[in-house]
Amino acid sequence: MIYKFNPSSKKPLTPAKTPLETTHEGEVPKHFTFHPNKKDAYLISELMGTVSVYNYNNGKLEKIQNIETHPHDFSGVIGSADIHISPDGNFLYANYKKARKDMSVLGNNYVDVYLKYSTNHGISWSNPVQLTNLAGQGILADYRYASISPNNASGEVNIACGRDTIPGANVNGAPSSIMK
């Protein structure tokens, strides 16, 4: 849904001329961000692993392309998490999660978080960088709910995510979960 925002108005939010933007069937919009030029915008879909690229003009969004964020040989459940652009507009960051083959005794997979970036507005992406469960990080853990903060020193990006030693516990409500 698209709204105009005027904080000094009695009704600060009013629907835009075109108040809705439709997505492809099966897409689940997760996060939306504007480029600093205020002419381009990006929407990441949680379940399809795509980034929709929009032109923005006079309160109207026009979709110009859909781009996959996952590797072409990706298998398993797609789980895109977040998208942000650096303040200088040079880097578009997207992260996603991928279930590992490792399972707990309850049959739940551990999940890893990956980061990709684009330096050309999402036309092409870097190779994925695995951020979790790397050698030397200690005990195998389940990572979910990743969030990106690109507003850091030049060339830095921070990722925050939930970590649990019991895979799926934070989703399934296991009483021994450290995520509680």
C-alpha atoms as a PDB file:
ATOM      1  CA  MET A   1       0.000   0.000   0.000  1.00  0.00           C
ATOM      2  CA  ILE A   2       1.254   3.444  -0.850  1.00  0.00           C
ATOM      3  CA  TYR A   3       0.542   6.521   1.267  1.00  0.00           C
ATOM      4  CA  LYS A   4       1.516  10.143   1.258  1.00  0.00           C
ATOM      5  CA  PHE A   5       2.866  11.275   4.627  1.00  0.00           C
ATOM      6  CA  ASN A   6       2.339  14.772   6.012  1.00  0.00           C
ATOM      7  CA  PRO A   7       3.186  14.884   9.742  1.00  0.00           C
ATOM      8  CA  SER A   8       1.553  18.315  10.234  1.00  0.00           C
ATOM      9  CA  SER A   9      -1.847  17.175   8.911  1.00  0.00           C
ATOM     10  CA  LYS A  10      -4.748  15.945  11.079  1.00  0.00           C
ATOM     11  CA  LYS A  11      -4.578  12.768   8.999  1.00  0.00           C
ATOM     12  CA  PRO A  12      -0.840  12.345   8.403  1.00  0.00           C
ATOM     13  CA  LEU A  13      -1.329   9.334   6.105  1.00  0.00           C
ATOM     14  CA  THR A  14      -3.478   9.611   2.978  1.00  0.00           C
ATOM     15  CA  PRO A  15      -3.671   7.016   0.196  1.00  0.00           C
ATOM     16  CA  ALA A  16      -1.640   7.870  -2.903  1.00  0.00           C
ATOM     17  CA  LYS A  17      -3.298   8.211  -6.328  1.00  0.00           C
ATOM     18  CA  THR A  18      -2.403   4.580  -6.952  1.00  0.00           C
ATOM     19  CA  PRO A  19      -2.645   3.149  -3.415  1.00  0.00           C
ATOM     20  CA  LEU A  20      -1.685  -0.434  -4.254  1.00  0.00           C
ATOM     21  CA  GLU A  21       1.132  -2.060  -6.154  1.00  0.00           C
ATOM     22  CA  THR A  22       0.522  -5.671  -7.153  1.00  0.00           C
ATOM     23  CA  THR A  23       3.206  -8.326  -7.068  1.00  0.00           C
ATOM     24  CA  HIS A  24       3.465 -11.698  -8.781  1.00  0.00           C
ATOM     25  CA  GLU A  25       1.410 -14.523  -7.336  1.00  0.00           C
ATOM     26  CA  GLY A  26       3.374 -16.284  -4.610  1.00  0.00           C
ATOM     27  CA  GLU A  27       5.563 -13.318  -3.762  1.00  0.00           C
ATOM     28  CA  VAL A  28       5.503 -12.229  -0.156  1.00  0.00           C
ATOM     29  CA  PRO A  29       6.795  -8.644   0.103  1.00  0.00           C
ATOM     30  CA  LYS A  30       9.280  -8.493   2.973  1.00  0.00           C
ATOM     31  CA  HIS A  31      11.208  -5.191   2.885  1.00  0.00           C
ATOM     32  CA  PHE A  32      11.173  -2.102   0.678  1.00  0.00           C
ATOM     33  CA  THR A  33      13.856   0.579   0.293  1.00  0.00           C
ATOM     34  CA  PHE A  34      14.382   3.706  -1.776  1.00  0.00           C
ATOM     35  CA  HIS A  35      17.604   4.641  -3.514  1.00  0.00           C
ATOM     36  CA  PRO A  36      19.012   7.983  -2.264  1.00  0.00           C
ATOM     37  CA  ASN A  37      18.149   9.469  -5.687  1.00  0.00           C
ATOM     38  CA  LYS A  38      14.451   8.982  -4.716  1.00  0.00           C
ATOM     39  CA  LYS A  39      13.760   7.755  -8.275  1.00  0.00           C
ATOM     40  CA  ASP A  40      14.482   4.039  -7.787  1.00  0.00           C
ATOM     41  CA  ALA A  41      13.078   1.595  -5.236  1.00  0.00           C
ATOM     42  CA  TYR A  42      13.623  -2.062  -4.385  1.00  0.00           C
ATOM     43  CA  LEU A  43      11.309  -4.689  -2.882  1.00  0.00           C
ATOM     44  CA  ILE A  44      12.552  -8.070  -1.668  1.00  0.00           C
ATOM     45  CA  SER A  45      10.176 -11.048  -1.730  1.00  0.00           C
ATOM     46  CA  GLU A  46      10.564 -13.461   1.148  1.00  0.00           C
ATOM     47  CA  LEU A  47       9.285 -16.640  -0.492  1.00  0.00           C
ATOM     48  CA  MET A  48      10.376 -16.226  -4.125  1.00  0.00           C
ATOM     49  CA  GLY A  49      13.839 -14.824  -3.464  1.00  0.00           C
ATOM     50  CA  THR A  50      13.422 -11.973  -5.896  1.00  0.00           C
ATOM     51  CA  VAL A  51      14.112  -8.263  -5.846  1.00  0.00           C
ATOM     52  CA  SER A  52      11.613  -6.130  -7.743  1.00  0.00           C
ATOM     53  CA  VAL A  53      13.129  -2.937  -9.125  1.00  0.00           C
ATOM     54  CA  TYR A  54      10.835   0.079  -9.499  1.00  0.00           C
ATOM     55  CA  ASN A  55      11.000   3.557 -10.953  1.00  0.00           C
ATOM     56  CA  TYR A  56       9.252   6.092  -8.718  1.00  0.00           C
ATOM     57  CA  ASN A  57       7.702   9.261 -10.118  1.00  0.00           C
ATOM     58  CA  ASN A  58       4.941  11.526  -8.741  1.00  0.00           C
ATOM     59  CA  GLY A  59       3.818   8.989  -6.129  1.00  0.00           C
ATOM     60  CA  LYS A  60       3.574   6.133  -8.639  1.00  0.00           C
ATOM     61  CA  LEU A  61       5.705   2.990  -8.741  1.00  0.00           C
ATOM     62  CA  GLU A  62       6.482   1.333 -12.073  1.00  0.00           C
ATOM     63  CA  LYS A  63       8.060  -2.123 -11.903  1.00  0.00           C
ATOM     64  CA  ILE A  64      10.888  -2.425 -14.404  1.00  0.00           C
ATOM     65  CA  GLN A  65      12.298  -5.854 -13.554  1.00  0.00           C
ATOM     66  CA  ASN A  66      12.428  -8.809 -11.166  1.00  0.00           C
ATOM     67  CA  ILE A  67      15.845 -10.197 -10.230  1.00  0.00           C
ATOM     68  CA  GLU A  68      16.664 -13.455  -8.433  1.00  0.00           C
ATOM     69  CA  THR A  69      18.891 -13.086  -5.389  1.00  0.00           C
ATOM     70  CA  HIS A  70      19.570 -16.797  -4.861  1.00  0.00           C
ATOM     71  CA  PRO A  71      22.143 -18.728  -6.889  1.00  0.00           C
ATOM     72  CA  HIS A  72      20.705 -20.374 -10.025  1.00  0.00           C
ATOM     73  CA  ASP A  73      21.566 -23.835  -8.669  1.00  0.00           C
ATOM     74  CA  PHE A  74      19.856 -23.107  -5.326  1.00  0.00           C
ATOM     75  CA  SER A  75      17.768 -25.970  -3.970  1.00  0.00           C
ATOM     76  CA  GLY A  76      15.633 -25.965  -0.884  1.00  0.00           C
ATOM     77  CA  VAL A  77      13.294 -23.484   0.707  1.00  0.00           C
ATOM     78  CA  ILE A  78      13.894 -19.865  -0.296  1.00  0.00           C
ATOM     79  CA  GLY A  79      13.928 -17.324   2.506  1.00  0.00           C
ATOM     80  CA  SER A  80      14.932 -13.792   1.576  1.00  0.00           C
ATOM     81  CA  ALA A  81      15.215 -11.624   4.637  1.00  0.00           C
ATOM     82  CA  ASP A  82      16.167  -7.969   4.088  1.00  0.00           C
ATOM     83  CA  ILE A  83      17.255  -5.380   1.526  1.00  0.00           C
ATOM     84  CA  HIS A  84      18.952  -2.006   1.996  1.00  0.00           C
ATOM     85  CA  ILE A  85      21.021   0.421  -0.028  1.00  0.00           C
ATOM     86  CA  SER A  86      24.116   2.237   1.186  1.00  0.00           C
ATOM     87  CA  PRO A  87      23.683   5.965   1.919  1.00  0.00           C
ATOM     88  CA  ASP A  88      25.850   6.859  -1.095  1.00  0.00           C
ATOM     89  CA  GLY A  89      23.684   4.650  -3.345  1.00  0.00           C
ATOM     90  CA  ASN A  90      26.641   2.558  -4.515  1.00  0.00           C
ATOM     91  CA  PHE A  91      25.746  -0.750  -2.845  1.00  0.00           C
ATOM     92  CA  LEU A  92      22.454  -2.636  -2.775  1.00  0.00           C
ATOM     93  CA  TYR A  93      22.554  -5.352  -0.092  1.00  0.00           C
ATOM     94  CA  ALA A  94      20.250  -8.371   0.159  1.00  0.00           C
ATOM     95  CA  ASN A  95      20.395 -11.289   2.522  1.00  0.00           C
ATOM     96  CA  TYR A  96      18.718 -14.662   2.558  1.00  0.00           C
ATOM     97  CA  LYS A  97      18.658 -17.790   4.628  1.00  0.00           C
ATOM     98  CA  LYS A  98      19.289 -21.351   3.535  1.00  0.00           C
ATOM     99  CA  ALA A  99      18.560 -24.569   5.388  1.00  0.00           C
ATOM    100  CA  ARG A 100      21.578 -26.788   5.985  1.00  0.00           C
ATOM    101  CA  LYS A 101      21.563 -30.558   5.640  1.00  0.00           C
ATOM    102  CA  ASP A 102      22.437 -30.846   9.364  1.00  0.00           C
ATOM    103  CA  MET A 103      19.382 -31.671  11.488  1.00  0.00           C
ATOM    104  CA  SER A 104      18.562 -31.821  15.144  1.00  0.00           C
ATOM    105  CA  VAL A 105      17.198 -34.960  16.797  1.00  0.00           C
ATOM    106  CA  LEU A 106      13.749 -33.390  16.294  1.00  0.00           C
ATOM    107  CA  GLY A 107      14.287 -33.317  12.513  1.00  0.00           C
ATOM    108  CA  ASN A 108      14.657 -29.539  12.132  1.00  0.00           C
ATOM    109  CA  ASN A 109      17.370 -28.144   9.853  1.00  0.00           C
ATOM    110  CA  TYR A 110      19.907 -25.597  11.000  1.00  0.00           C
ATOM    111  CA  VAL A 111      19.722 -22.389   8.929  1.00  0.00           C
ATOM    112  CA  ASP A 112      22.552 -20.175   7.638  1.00  0.00           C
ATOM    113  CA  VAL A 113      22.463 -16.514   6.591  1.00  0.00           C
ATOM    114  CA  TYR A 114      24.043 -15.292   3.340  1.00  0.00           C
ATOM    115  CA  LEU A 115      24.705 -11.784   2.025  1.00  0.00           C
ATOM    116  CA  LYS A 116      24.845 -10.624  -1.608  1.00  0.00           C
ATOM    117  CA  TYR A 117      25.411  -7.139  -2.945  1.00  0.00           C
ATOM    118  CA  SER A 118      25.075  -5.296  -6.218  1.00  0.00           C
ATOM    119  CA  THR A 119      27.010  -2.269  -7.431  1.00  0.00           C
ATOM    120  CA  ASN A 120      24.758  -1.678 -10.451  1.00  0.00           C
ATOM    121  CA  HIS A 121      21.248  -1.285  -8.993  1.00  0.00           C
ATOM    122  CA  GLY A 122      20.572  -5.035  -8.857  1.00  0.00           C
ATOM    123  CA  ILE A 123      21.363  -5.873 -12.474  1.00  0.00           C
ATOM    124  CA  SER A 124      24.035  -8.316 -11.312  1.00  0.00           C
ATOM    125  CA  TRP A 125      24.960  -9.626  -7.865  1.00  0.00           C
ATOM    126  CA  SER A 126      28.106 -10.695  -6.067  1.00  0.00           C
ATOM    127  CA  ASN A 127      28.629 -14.322  -5.208  1.00  0.00           C
ATOM    128  CA  PRO A 128      26.842 -15.166  -1.963  1.00  0.00           C
ATOM    129  CA  VAL A 129      28.877 -14.759   1.213  1.00  0.00           C
ATOM    130  CA  GLN A 130      28.021 -17.209   3.979  1.00  0.00           C
ATOM    131  CA  LEU A 131      27.970 -15.302   7.272  1.00  0.00           C
ATOM    132  CA  THR A 132      27.087 -18.002   9.795  1.00  0.00           C
ATOM    133  CA  ASN A 133      28.307 -21.428  10.940  1.00  0.00           C
ATOM    134  CA  LEU A 134      31.801 -20.842   9.576  1.00  0.00           C
ATOM    135  CA  ALA A 135      34.858 -22.732  10.775  1.00  0.00           C
ATOM    136  CA  GLY A 136      36.033 -21.298  14.085  1.00  0.00           C
ATOM    137  CA  GLN A 137      32.660 -19.814  15.085  1.00  0.00           C
ATOM    138  CA  GLY A 138      32.067 -22.487  17.715  1.00  0.00           C
ATOM    139  CA  ILE A 139      28.979 -24.638  18.137  1.00  0.00           C
ATOM    140  CA  LEU A 140      26.630 -25.239  15.194  1.00  0.00           C
ATOM    141  CA  ALA A 141      23.648 -22.893  15.509  1.00  0.00           C
ATOM    142  CA  ASP A 142      20.399 -21.940  13.818  1.00  0.00           C
ATOM    143  CA  TYR A 143      20.350 -18.368  12.460  1.00  0.00           C
ATOM    144  CA  ARG A 144      17.154 -16.564  11.425  1.00  0.00           C
ATOM    145  CA  TYR A 145      15.494 -13.141  11.183  1.00  0.00           C
ATOM    146  CA  ALA A 146      18.511 -11.389   9.644  1.00  0.00           C
ATOM    147  CA  SER A 147      18.431  -7.611   9.319  1.00  0.00           C
ATOM    148  CA  ILE A 148      20.856  -5.310   7.475  1.00  0.00           C
ATOM    149  CA  SER A 149      22.192  -1.930   8.625  1.00  0.00           C
ATOM    150  CA  PRO A 150      24.133  -0.290   5.790  1.00  0.00           C
ATOM    151  CA  ASN A 151      24.507   3.071   7.566  1.00  0.00           C
ATOM    152  CA  ASN A 152      28.044   2.494   8.766  1.00  0.00           C
ATOM    153  CA  ALA A 153      31.540   3.614   7.898  1.00  0.00           C
ATOM    154  CA  SER A 154      32.356   3.419   4.208  1.00  0.00           C
ATOM    155  CA  GLY A 155      32.605  -0.171   3.043  1.00  0.00           C
ATOM    156  CA  GLU A 156      31.002  -1.659   6.165  1.00  0.00           C
ATOM    157  CA  VAL A 157      27.658  -3.356   6.644  1.00  0.00           C
ATOM    158  CA  ASN A 158      26.221  -4.812   9.863  1.00  0.00           C
ATOM    159  CA  ILE A 159      23.948  -7.848   9.950  1.00  0.00           C
ATOM    160  CA  ALA A 160      21.948  -8.707  13.064  1.00  0.00           C
ATOM    161  CA  CYS A 161      20.131 -12.032  13.386  1.00  0.00           C
ATOM    162  CA  GLY A 162      18.680 -14.439  15.896  1.00  0.00           C
ATOM    163  CA  ARG A 163      20.913 -17.355  16.926  1.00  0.00           C
ATOM    164  CA  ASP A 164      19.787 -20.536  18.638  1.00  0.00           C
ATOM    165  CA  THR A 165      21.521 -23.854  19.309  1.00  0.00           C
ATOM    166  CA  ILE A 166      18.243 -25.745  18.813  1.00  0.00           C
ATOM    167  CA  PRO A 167      17.208 -25.575  15.131  1.00  0.00           C
ATOM    168  CA  GLY A 168      13.608 -24.526  14.618  1.00  0.00           C
ATOM    169  CA  ALA A 169      13.105 -23.961  18.357  1.00  0.00           C
ATOM    170  CA  ASN A 170      12.459 -20.247  17.983  1.00  0.00           C
ATOM    171  CA  VAL A 171       9.800 -21.101  15.399  1.00  0.00           C
ATOM    172  CA  ASN A 172       8.359 -24.173  17.107  1.00  0.00           C
ATOM    173  CA  GLY A 173       8.451 -22.792  20.660  1.00  0.00           C
ATOM    174  CA  ALA A 174      10.733 -25.319  22.355  1.00  0.00           C
ATOM    175  CA  PRO A 175      10.949 -24.446  26.068  1.00  0.00           C
ATOM    176  CA  SER A 176      14.744 -24.839  26.131  1.00  0.00           C
ATOM    177  CA  SER A 177      15.307 -22.353  23.316  1.00  0.00           C
ATOM    178  CA  ILE A 178      17.792 -19.559  24.116  1.00  0.00           C
ATOM    179  CA  MET A 179      15.829 -17.279  21.742  1.00  0.00           C
ATOM    180  CA  LYS A 180      12.975 -16.995  24.285  1.00  0.00           C
END
